[in-house]
Amino acid sequence: MALSSPPFAGHELMIAWRYLRARKAEGGVSVMTWISLIGIMLAVAALIATLAVRSGFRAEFVDTILGANAHVTVFNSAEVQENGLLTRTINDYDEMAERLRAVEGVTRAAPLVKGQVMANSRGRNAGVEVYGITQENLLTIPRVVTPQYQEGDIARFAEGVAIGSGVARELAVKTGDKIKVISPNGVKTAFGTSPRVQAFEVVYIFTAGRYDIDRTRVYMPFDQAQLFFNREGLADEIEVMVEEPSKVDDMALKLIGAAGDRALTWTWKDASGSFLNALDIEDNVMFVILSILVLIAAMNIVSGLIMLVKNKGRDIGILRTIGLTEGAILRVFFICGAFTGIIGTALGVLLGCLFAIYIDPIFAIVNGFSGGEIWDPSVRGISFLPAKLQLNDVMSAVSLSLGLSFIVTIFPARRAARMNPVEALRYE
C-alpha cells in the first residue's frame, strides 16, 4: 500500500540530501554534482557580469552625450544672401533663445557659434571644433562644470578658452599656456581671404569622459568667437536641453513652432540613434548566447541525475516496495537536481555581483599583467569600462537559471519514478 504524505515531506528531503552526498565509491555522483554546480555558477556569473557591463556602458554612453551635448540643436534652413552665397546663420538669436526657453520642458537654450579650426602650440597641431558660448551658458553644461577631471578655473573663461583633456594632451599644454587658433576663413583683403590666427590662454581643462569630446572640443567666449569666425551679430545654432531627453522627439514640433518658420531641429537621438540601435541588437544577441551557456551548464544536471538514477536503481525498488509513490520518487530526484541549480545560481549571483562591483580593481590587475591599456577610449568612445548592477538584470539571470534547472531536472526524475520495482530488484 502506498504511503500518503504531503509533497516535499521531511523524509523526501532527507533521502535527496543523502543521494547528493554520495561517495565516489557509489558511482562518482558527487563529482558530477560538483561539475553541474560549478558550471551553473560560472554561467550565471558571466550572464550577470555581462548584463551589468552592458547596462553600465549604455548608461555612461548616453550620459556623456546628454551631459556635454545639446539634447536638441535648432538651426535655420539655408537662405540665399545678396552675394549669392547660402547661409544658415541666425540674426535674432537672443529672441529665438527666449522663445525656446518658454516652451514647457525646456531647461536651457544657448546660442552658439561653431567652427572647425587648427590649434597649434610649440610646433604641435590638432584639429579641433570651437564652440563659441557665453560663460553663463557654459556653466550649465554638466560634463564641463563637473567633469571626471579638471584643471584650472572655469570662472576665468572670459579671459581665454576651455579645452578638452585630449586636446591638451595632443598639444602638450596645461593651464596658463597659450595656444594659437588658426582658421582658413579669416580676414578678407583685396588679394583674397587670408587665414586668421589668434592666440588664447588655456584657462580650464576638462575631461567629459567621452573621447570625441575630450579630443576635439574647445570652448571660446561667445563674443570672441563671433569676431574670430566673422559672425558679428550672428549665431550658428541654438543648443537646447530638456527635462526628459528620452521624450525629446515629442517636443520637436513645439520647438520648431517657437523658433520660427525657417527653423529645423536635430536631436541627440538623430545623432546617435544608429549606435543605440546597434547596442540594442548586440544586447539581445549577447543575452541569447549567454542563455545558451546557462542551458549547457544546466544539462550537466541531467547527466548527473541519469547516473544517480542508474546507481540507485536498487534503492528505488526498495523505496517503492515499502510504499513510496511514484510522485514521492519523482520529488526526491527533482530535489536533487533543483538543489544543485539553486546553490549554483546563488553562488553565480554572488560571483557576478562581486565582479560588477569591483570591476575597476579587476581591470587594473589585468592591465598590470598585460602591460598596457586594454580599454581603448578612442575605439569605444568612453574613457573607462563601467558596470551598473540593476535588479531586473539580476532577476532575469536568476529566473533563467532556476527555470532551466527545474525543467531539465523533470525528465530524469520522471524516469526514476516510472522505474518498475520488480525489475529494479530482480538482479540484486
Protein backbone atom coordinates (compact mmCIF):
# COMPACT_ATOMS: atom_id res chain seq x y z
CA MET A 1 0.00 0.00 0.00
CA ALA A 2 1.40 3.40 -0.99
CA LEU A 3 2.29 5.76 1.83
CA SER A 4 0.34 9.00 1.83
CA SER A 5 2.45 12.05 2.68
CA PRO A 6 2.43 15.73 1.77
CA PRO A 7 4.66 16.83 -1.14
CA PHE A 8 8.30 17.53 -0.25
CA ALA A 9 7.92 15.87 3.14
CA GLY A 10 10.85 15.56 5.51
CA HIS A 11 11.75 12.01 4.50
CA GLU A 12 11.90 13.05 0.80
CA LEU A 13 14.29 15.87 1.63
CA MET A 14 16.42 13.54 3.77
CA ILE A 15 16.70 10.93 1.00
CA ALA A 16 17.58 13.57 -1.60
CA TRP A 17 20.28 15.02 0.67
CA ARG A 18 21.84 11.57 1.22
CA TYR A 19 21.92 10.96 -2.53
CA LEU A 20 23.60 14.31 -3.16
CA ARG A 21 26.33 13.33 -0.70
CA ALA A 22 27.03 10.05 -2.49
CA ARG A 23 30.62 8.85 -2.15
CA LYS A 24 32.93 8.24 -5.08
CA ALA A 25 32.72 4.51 -4.44
CA GLU A 26 28.99 4.72 -5.07
CA GLY A 27 29.40 5.88 -8.65
CA GLY A 28 31.06 9.28 -8.53
CA VAL A 29 27.71 11.07 -8.41
CA SER A 30 29.11 13.76 -6.11
CA VAL A 31 31.73 14.62 -8.75
CA MET A 32 29.03 15.14 -11.37
CA THR A 33 27.08 17.24 -8.88
CA TRP A 34 30.10 19.48 -8.36
CA ILE A 35 30.65 19.80 -12.09
CA SER A 36 27.00 20.80 -12.58
CA LEU A 37 27.13 23.27 -9.70
CA ILE A 38 30.34 24.95 -10.89
CA GLY A 39 29.08 25.11 -14.47
CA ILE A 40 25.86 26.84 -13.44
CA MET A 41 27.74 29.19 -11.11
CA LEU A 42 30.13 30.32 -13.84
CA ALA A 43 27.36 30.68 -16.44
CA VAL A 44 25.16 32.77 -14.14
CA ALA A 45 28.14 34.90 -13.05
CA ALA A 46 29.06 35.52 -16.69
CA LEU A 47 25.47 36.45 -17.52
CA ILE A 48 25.15 38.89 -14.60
CA ALA A 49 28.56 40.46 -15.26
CA THR A 50 27.74 40.90 -18.94
CA LEU A 51 24.34 42.42 -18.21
CA ALA A 52 25.91 44.80 -15.67
CA VAL A 53 28.61 45.93 -18.09
CA ARG A 54 26.01 46.30 -20.84
CA SER A 55 23.80 48.48 -18.63
CA GLY A 56 26.76 50.49 -17.38
CA PHE A 57 28.16 51.05 -20.86
CA ARG A 58 24.82 52.20 -22.21
CA ALA A 59 24.15 54.48 -19.23
CA GLU A 60 27.62 56.05 -19.40
CA PHE A 61 27.45 56.42 -23.18
CA VAL A 62 24.07 58.17 -23.04
CA ASP A 63 25.12 60.28 -20.04
CA THR A 64 28.20 61.57 -21.84
CA ILE A 65 26.02 62.51 -24.82
CA LEU A 66 23.40 64.27 -22.71
CA GLY A 67 25.90 65.80 -20.30
CA ALA A 68 28.05 67.65 -22.82
CA ASN A 69 25.95 67.95 -25.98
CA ALA A 70 22.67 69.56 -26.92
CA HIS A 71 19.56 67.44 -26.50
CA VAL A 72 18.16 69.34 -29.47
CA THR A 73 20.03 71.57 -31.89
CA VAL A 74 17.87 74.27 -33.51
CA PHE A 75 19.20 75.90 -36.68
CA ASN A 76 17.86 77.73 -39.70
CA SER A 77 17.33 76.31 -43.15
CA ALA A 78 19.66 77.64 -45.86
CA GLU A 79 18.91 81.08 -47.25
CA VAL A 80 20.47 82.79 -50.29
CA GLN A 81 22.27 86.05 -49.48
CA GLU A 82 22.60 89.06 -51.75
CA ASN A 83 26.03 87.88 -52.83
CA GLY A 84 24.55 84.55 -53.90
CA LEU A 85 26.02 82.52 -51.03
CA LEU A 86 23.95 80.25 -48.82
CA THR A 87 23.79 80.94 -45.09
CA ARG A 88 22.17 79.25 -42.09
CA THR A 89 23.12 81.88 -39.51
CA ILE A 90 20.60 83.23 -37.01
CA ASN A 91 20.18 87.00 -36.71
CA ASP A 92 17.71 87.19 -33.83
CA TYR A 93 19.38 84.51 -31.73
CA ASP A 94 18.61 86.13 -28.36
CA GLU A 95 14.90 86.42 -29.17
CA MET A 96 14.82 82.88 -30.56
CA ALA A 97 16.53 81.55 -27.43
CA GLU A 98 13.95 83.31 -25.24
CA ARG A 99 11.07 81.79 -27.21
CA LEU A 100 12.61 78.33 -26.92
CA ARG A 101 13.12 78.70 -23.15
CA ALA A 102 9.40 79.47 -22.85
CA VAL A 103 8.50 76.03 -24.25
CA GLU A 104 7.33 73.67 -21.50
CA GLY A 105 10.01 71.12 -20.66
CA VAL A 106 12.97 73.18 -21.94
CA THR A 107 15.62 73.82 -19.29
CA ARG A 108 18.20 75.68 -21.35
CA ALA A 109 18.59 77.40 -24.73
CA ALA A 110 22.06 78.72 -25.58
CA PRO A 111 23.15 80.45 -28.82
CA LEU A 112 26.35 79.01 -30.27
CA VAL A 113 28.97 79.95 -32.82
CA LYS A 114 30.72 76.85 -34.17
CA GLY A 115 33.68 76.28 -36.41
CA GLN A 116 36.39 73.74 -37.18
CA VAL A 117 39.92 75.11 -36.93
CA MET A 118 43.54 74.09 -36.37
CA ALA A 119 45.05 74.52 -32.90
CA ASN A 120 48.80 74.92 -32.56
CA SER A 121 51.27 75.06 -29.71
CA ARG A 122 55.07 74.83 -29.93
CA GLY A 123 55.01 73.03 -33.26
CA ARG A 124 52.24 70.58 -32.32
CA ASN A 125 48.93 70.72 -34.22
CA ALA A 126 45.45 69.35 -33.62
CA GLY A 127 42.18 69.69 -35.48
CA VAL A 128 39.55 70.98 -33.07
CA GLU A 129 35.95 72.16 -33.06
CA VAL A 130 35.36 75.55 -31.45
CA TYR A 131 32.12 76.24 -29.58
CA GLY A 132 31.52 79.94 -29.02
CA ILE A 133 29.35 80.23 -25.90
CA THR A 134 28.72 82.69 -23.09
CA GLN A 135 30.14 81.92 -19.65
CA GLU A 136 26.63 81.83 -18.19
CA ASN A 137 25.59 79.10 -20.62
CA LEU A 138 28.88 77.19 -20.26
CA LEU A 139 28.21 76.84 -16.53
CA THR A 140 25.01 74.92 -17.33
CA ILE A 141 26.84 72.05 -19.12
CA PRO A 142 27.15 69.24 -16.52
CA ARG A 143 30.10 67.34 -18.01
CA VAL A 144 32.14 70.53 -18.33
CA VAL A 145 31.36 72.08 -14.94
CA THR A 146 31.62 68.79 -13.00
CA PRO A 147 33.86 66.60 -15.19
CA GLN A 148 35.78 63.44 -14.34
CA TYR A 149 38.93 65.57 -14.22
CA GLN A 150 39.51 69.30 -14.28
CA GLU A 151 42.40 71.72 -14.18
CA GLY A 152 42.28 75.50 -13.92
CA ASP A 153 39.47 77.89 -13.08
CA ILE A 154 36.32 77.96 -15.18
CA ALA A 155 35.46 81.35 -13.64
CA ARG A 156 38.26 82.83 -15.82
CA PHE A 157 36.59 81.60 -19.02
CA ALA A 158 36.13 85.19 -20.31
CA GLU A 159 39.94 85.58 -20.34
CA GLY A 160 40.77 82.60 -22.59
CA VAL A 161 39.49 79.21 -23.71
CA ALA A 162 38.42 75.92 -22.10
CA ILE A 163 39.72 72.79 -23.82
CA GLY A 164 39.22 69.04 -23.53
CA SER A 165 41.95 66.97 -21.89
CA GLY A 166 42.56 65.15 -25.17
CA VAL A 167 43.29 68.45 -26.91
CA ALA A 168 45.61 69.45 -24.07
CA ARG A 169 47.44 66.13 -24.31
CA GLU A 170 47.75 66.38 -28.10
CA LEU A 171 49.17 69.91 -27.89
CA ALA A 172 51.19 69.21 -24.70
CA VAL A 173 49.76 72.25 -22.90
CA LYS A 174 48.47 72.96 -19.42
CA THR A 175 46.52 75.80 -17.86
CA GLY A 176 48.32 79.10 -18.26
CA ASP A 177 49.83 78.14 -21.62
CA LYS A 178 48.73 79.80 -24.83
CA ILE A 179 47.52 78.08 -27.99
CA LYS A 180 47.14 79.51 -31.47
CA VAL A 181 43.80 79.02 -33.18
CA ILE A 182 44.07 79.11 -36.97
CA SER A 183 41.05 79.46 -39.27
CA PRO A 184 41.35 79.36 -43.08
CA ASN A 185 38.30 81.63 -43.35
CA GLY A 186 39.88 84.72 -41.91
CA VAL A 187 40.41 88.31 -42.93
CA LYS A 188 39.11 89.37 -46.35
CA THR A 189 41.60 91.51 -48.30
CA ALA A 190 41.98 92.83 -51.85
CA PHE A 191 44.08 89.77 -52.59
CA GLY A 192 41.56 87.28 -51.18
CA THR A 193 40.91 85.75 -47.78
CA SER A 194 43.94 85.26 -45.55
CA PRO A 195 43.94 82.79 -42.64
CA ARG A 196 43.06 84.24 -39.25
CA VAL A 197 45.49 83.40 -36.41
CA GLN A 198 44.81 84.33 -32.82
CA ALA A 199 46.41 83.26 -29.54
CA PHE A 200 44.30 82.34 -26.48
CA GLU A 201 45.30 81.42 -22.95
CA VAL A 202 44.16 77.99 -21.73
CA VAL A 203 42.27 78.78 -18.52
CA TYR A 204 40.42 75.48 -18.00
CA ILE A 205 40.94 71.83 -18.99
CA PHE A 206 38.18 69.24 -18.54
CA THR A 207 37.60 65.52 -19.08
CA ALA A 208 33.98 64.90 -20.06
CA GLY A 209 34.59 61.15 -20.29
CA ARG A 210 33.84 60.87 -23.99
CA TYR A 211 36.77 60.56 -26.35
CA ASP A 212 35.39 62.53 -29.28
CA ILE A 213 34.55 65.45 -26.95
CA ASP A 214 37.77 65.49 -24.94
CA ARG A 215 39.87 65.11 -28.08
CA THR A 216 38.24 67.86 -30.19
CA ARG A 217 36.24 70.29 -28.03
CA VAL A 218 37.37 73.88 -27.42
CA TYR A 219 35.03 76.39 -25.76
CA MET A 220 35.61 80.08 -26.63
CA PRO A 221 33.79 83.15 -25.26
CA PHE A 222 30.80 83.93 -27.46
CA ASP A 223 31.83 87.45 -28.44
CA GLN A 224 35.38 86.32 -29.25
CA ALA A 225 34.03 83.51 -31.42
CA GLN A 226 31.80 85.93 -33.30
CA LEU A 227 34.81 88.09 -34.16
CA PHE A 228 37.07 85.17 -34.98
CA PHE A 229 34.58 83.48 -37.35
CA ASN A 230 33.20 86.69 -38.89
CA ARG A 231 29.83 86.21 -37.21
CA GLU A 232 29.32 89.69 -35.78
CA GLY A 233 25.72 89.88 -34.57
CA LEU A 234 25.05 86.30 -35.66
CA ALA A 235 24.86 82.77 -34.20
CA ASP A 236 25.10 79.43 -35.98
CA GLU A 237 22.59 77.49 -33.88
CA ILE A 238 20.71 77.28 -30.58
CA GLU A 239 21.68 74.49 -28.19
CA VAL A 240 18.59 73.27 -26.31
CA MET A 241 18.40 70.99 -23.27
CA VAL A 242 15.18 69.50 -21.95
CA GLU A 243 13.91 67.91 -18.74
CA GLU A 244 13.23 64.48 -20.27
CA PRO A 245 15.76 63.73 -23.03
CA SER A 246 14.17 60.34 -23.72
CA LYS A 247 10.97 62.13 -24.90
CA VAL A 248 12.75 64.74 -26.98
CA ASP A 249 11.07 63.62 -30.22
CA ASP A 250 7.69 64.60 -28.80
CA MET A 251 8.90 68.19 -28.38
CA ALA A 252 10.24 68.74 -31.91
CA LEU A 253 7.10 70.36 -33.29
CA LYS A 254 6.76 72.70 -30.28
CA LEU A 255 10.38 73.78 -30.64
CA ILE A 256 10.03 74.43 -34.36
CA GLY A 257 6.87 76.43 -33.74
CA ALA A 258 8.63 78.57 -31.13
CA ALA A 259 11.82 79.04 -33.19
CA GLY A 260 10.22 80.27 -36.40
CA ASP A 261 9.40 79.33 -39.98
CA ARG A 262 12.97 78.62 -41.08
CA ALA A 263 13.81 76.52 -38.04
CA LEU A 264 14.97 72.91 -38.24
CA THR A 265 15.85 70.52 -35.39
CA TRP A 266 18.42 67.78 -34.89
CA THR A 267 18.05 65.71 -31.71
CA TRP A 268 20.59 63.64 -29.82
CA LYS A 269 18.68 60.53 -30.95
CA ASP A 270 19.14 61.58 -34.58
CA ALA A 271 22.88 61.90 -33.99
CA SER A 272 23.36 58.67 -32.00
CA GLY A 273 20.27 56.63 -32.89
CA SER A 274 22.07 54.14 -35.13
CA PHE A 275 24.66 53.41 -32.43
CA LEU A 276 21.96 52.94 -29.78
CA ASN A 277 20.06 50.60 -32.12
CA ALA A 278 23.27 48.63 -32.65
CA LEU A 279 23.67 48.41 -28.86
CA ASP A 280 20.11 47.04 -28.55
CA ILE A 281 20.79 44.35 -31.14
CA GLU A 282 24.10 43.46 -29.51
CA ASP A 283 22.44 43.27 -26.09
CA ASN A 284 19.80 40.85 -27.34
CA VAL A 285 22.36 38.64 -29.10
CA MET A 286 24.61 38.56 -26.05
CA PHE A 287 21.70 37.59 -23.80
CA VAL A 288 20.72 34.74 -26.13
CA ILE A 289 24.30 33.44 -26.35
CA LEU A 290 24.81 33.54 -22.60
CA SER A 291 21.41 31.92 -22.06
CA ILE A 292 22.65 29.02 -24.18
CA LEU A 293 25.68 28.76 -21.89
CA VAL A 294 23.35 28.56 -18.89
CA LEU A 295 21.37 25.85 -20.68
CA ILE A 296 24.53 23.86 -21.41
CA ALA A 297 25.53 24.14 -17.75
CA ALA A 298 22.05 23.04 -16.67
CA MET A 299 22.26 19.99 -18.94
CA ASN A 300 25.06 18.70 -16.70
CA ILE A 301 22.35 18.24 -14.07
CA VAL A 302 20.65 15.78 -16.42
CA SER A 303 23.85 13.78 -16.79
CA GLY A 304 24.36 13.68 -13.04
CA LEU A 305 20.76 12.65 -12.36
CA ILE A 306 20.81 9.93 -15.00
CA MET A 307 23.92 8.46 -13.34
CA LEU A 308 22.25 8.83 -9.96
CA VAL A 309 19.09 7.04 -11.11
CA LYS A 310 21.16 4.23 -12.63
CA ASN A 311 23.25 3.78 -9.49
CA LYS A 312 20.25 3.97 -7.17
CA GLY A 313 18.03 1.51 -9.03
CA ARG A 314 18.10 -0.92 -6.08
CA ASP A 315 17.23 1.84 -3.64
CA ILE A 316 14.33 2.96 -5.84
CA GLY A 317 12.98 -0.58 -5.91
CA ILE A 318 13.18 -0.86 -2.12
CA LEU A 319 11.56 2.55 -1.58
CA ARG A 320 8.71 1.64 -3.92
CA THR A 321 8.30 -1.72 -2.18
CA ILE A 322 7.94 -0.14 1.27
CA GLY A 323 5.25 2.20 -0.03
CA LEU A 324 6.71 5.36 -1.60
CA THR A 325 4.60 6.57 -4.51
CA GLU A 326 5.82 7.49 -7.98
CA GLY A 327 5.24 11.12 -7.04
CA ALA A 328 7.46 10.81 -3.97
CA ILE A 329 10.29 9.23 -6.01
CA LEU A 330 9.93 11.96 -8.65
CA ARG A 331 10.16 14.65 -5.95
CA VAL A 332 13.25 13.06 -4.38
CA PHE A 333 15.21 13.22 -7.63
CA PHE A 334 13.71 16.60 -8.54
CA ILE A 335 15.05 17.95 -5.24
CA CYS A 336 18.50 16.57 -6.09
CA GLY A 337 18.63 18.45 -9.39
CA ALA A 338 16.86 21.59 -8.14
CA PHE A 339 19.17 21.86 -5.14
CA THR A 340 22.19 21.82 -7.43
CA GLY A 341 20.61 24.54 -9.58
CA ILE A 342 19.70 26.70 -6.58
CA ILE A 343 23.16 26.53 -4.98
CA GLY A 344 24.90 27.09 -8.32
CA THR A 345 22.65 30.06 -9.09
CA ALA A 346 23.21 31.62 -5.65
CA LEU A 347 26.99 31.31 -5.97
CA GLY A 348 26.81 32.66 -9.53
CA VAL A 349 24.83 35.71 -8.38
CA LEU A 350 27.41 36.37 -5.66
CA LEU A 351 30.35 35.99 -8.06
CA GLY A 352 28.74 38.08 -10.81
CA CYS A 353 27.79 40.90 -8.42
CA LEU A 354 31.29 40.97 -6.94
CA PHE A 355 32.78 41.21 -10.43
CA ALA A 356 30.49 44.13 -11.32
CA ILE A 357 31.20 45.95 -8.04
CA TYR A 358 34.98 45.52 -8.22
CA ILE A 359 35.39 45.82 -11.98
CA ASP A 360 37.86 48.72 -11.71
CA PRO A 361 40.39 46.86 -9.49
CA ILE A 362 39.97 43.75 -11.65
CA PHE A 363 40.78 45.70 -14.81
CA ALA A 364 43.72 47.35 -13.04
CA ILE A 365 45.12 43.88 -12.30
CA VAL A 366 44.51 42.74 -15.89
CA ASN A 367 46.22 45.88 -17.18
CA GLY A 368 49.16 45.15 -14.90
CA PHE A 369 49.56 41.62 -16.27
CA SER A 370 49.02 42.65 -19.89
CA GLY A 371 51.44 45.55 -19.62
CA GLY A 372 49.13 48.00 -21.38
CA GLU A 373 45.74 49.65 -21.57
CA ILE A 374 43.18 47.04 -22.62
CA TRP A 375 40.34 49.60 -22.79
CA ASP A 376 40.98 51.98 -25.68
CA PRO A 377 38.70 55.06 -25.42
CA SER A 378 39.49 56.08 -29.00
CA VAL A 379 37.70 52.92 -30.18
CA ARG A 380 34.93 52.63 -27.61
CA GLY A 381 34.11 56.32 -27.18
CA ILE A 382 34.06 56.46 -23.36
CA SER A 383 37.12 56.63 -21.14
CA PHE A 384 36.52 53.57 -18.92
CA LEU A 385 34.52 50.36 -18.72
CA PRO A 386 31.55 50.94 -16.39
CA ALA A 387 29.31 48.36 -14.75
CA LYS A 388 25.85 49.07 -13.40
CA LEU A 389 24.06 46.41 -11.38
CA GLN A 390 20.31 46.51 -11.88
CA LEU A 391 17.80 44.40 -10.01
CA ASN A 392 15.87 43.41 -13.14
CA ASP A 393 19.09 42.14 -14.79
CA VAL A 394 19.97 40.01 -11.74
CA MET A 395 16.43 38.68 -11.51
CA SER A 396 16.45 37.83 -15.24
CA ALA A 397 19.60 35.76 -14.75
CA VAL A 398 18.22 34.07 -11.63
CA SER A 399 14.87 33.28 -13.29
CA LEU A 400 16.57 31.88 -16.38
CA SER A 401 18.97 29.69 -14.41
CA LEU A 402 16.40 28.33 -11.96
CA GLY A 403 13.81 27.84 -14.69
CA LEU A 404 16.18 25.82 -16.87
CA SER A 405 17.49 23.87 -13.88
CA PHE A 406 13.99 22.90 -12.78
CA ILE A 407 12.83 22.00 -16.29
CA VAL A 408 15.76 19.75 -17.22
CA THR A 409 15.50 18.02 -13.84
CA ILE A 410 11.97 16.77 -14.52
CA PHE A 411 12.92 14.28 -17.24
CA PRO A 412 15.39 12.05 -15.34
CA ALA A 413 13.20 12.38 -12.23
CA ARG A 414 10.21 11.02 -14.18
CA ARG A 415 12.37 8.16 -15.43
CA ALA A 416 13.23 7.26 -11.84
CA ALA A 417 9.58 7.50 -10.75
CA ARG A 418 8.41 5.16 -13.53
CA MET A 419 11.03 2.52 -12.81
CA ASN A 420 9.45 -0.91 -12.16
CA PRO A 421 10.46 -2.00 -8.64
CA VAL A 422 10.39 -5.67 -9.62
CA GLU A 423 12.83 -5.08 -12.49
CA ALA A 424 14.99 -2.90 -10.26
CA LEU A 425 15.33 -5.69 -7.64
CA ARG A 426 15.45 -8.73 -9.95
CA TYR A 427 19.23 -8.90 -10.25
CA GLU A 428 20.09 -7.58 -6.79
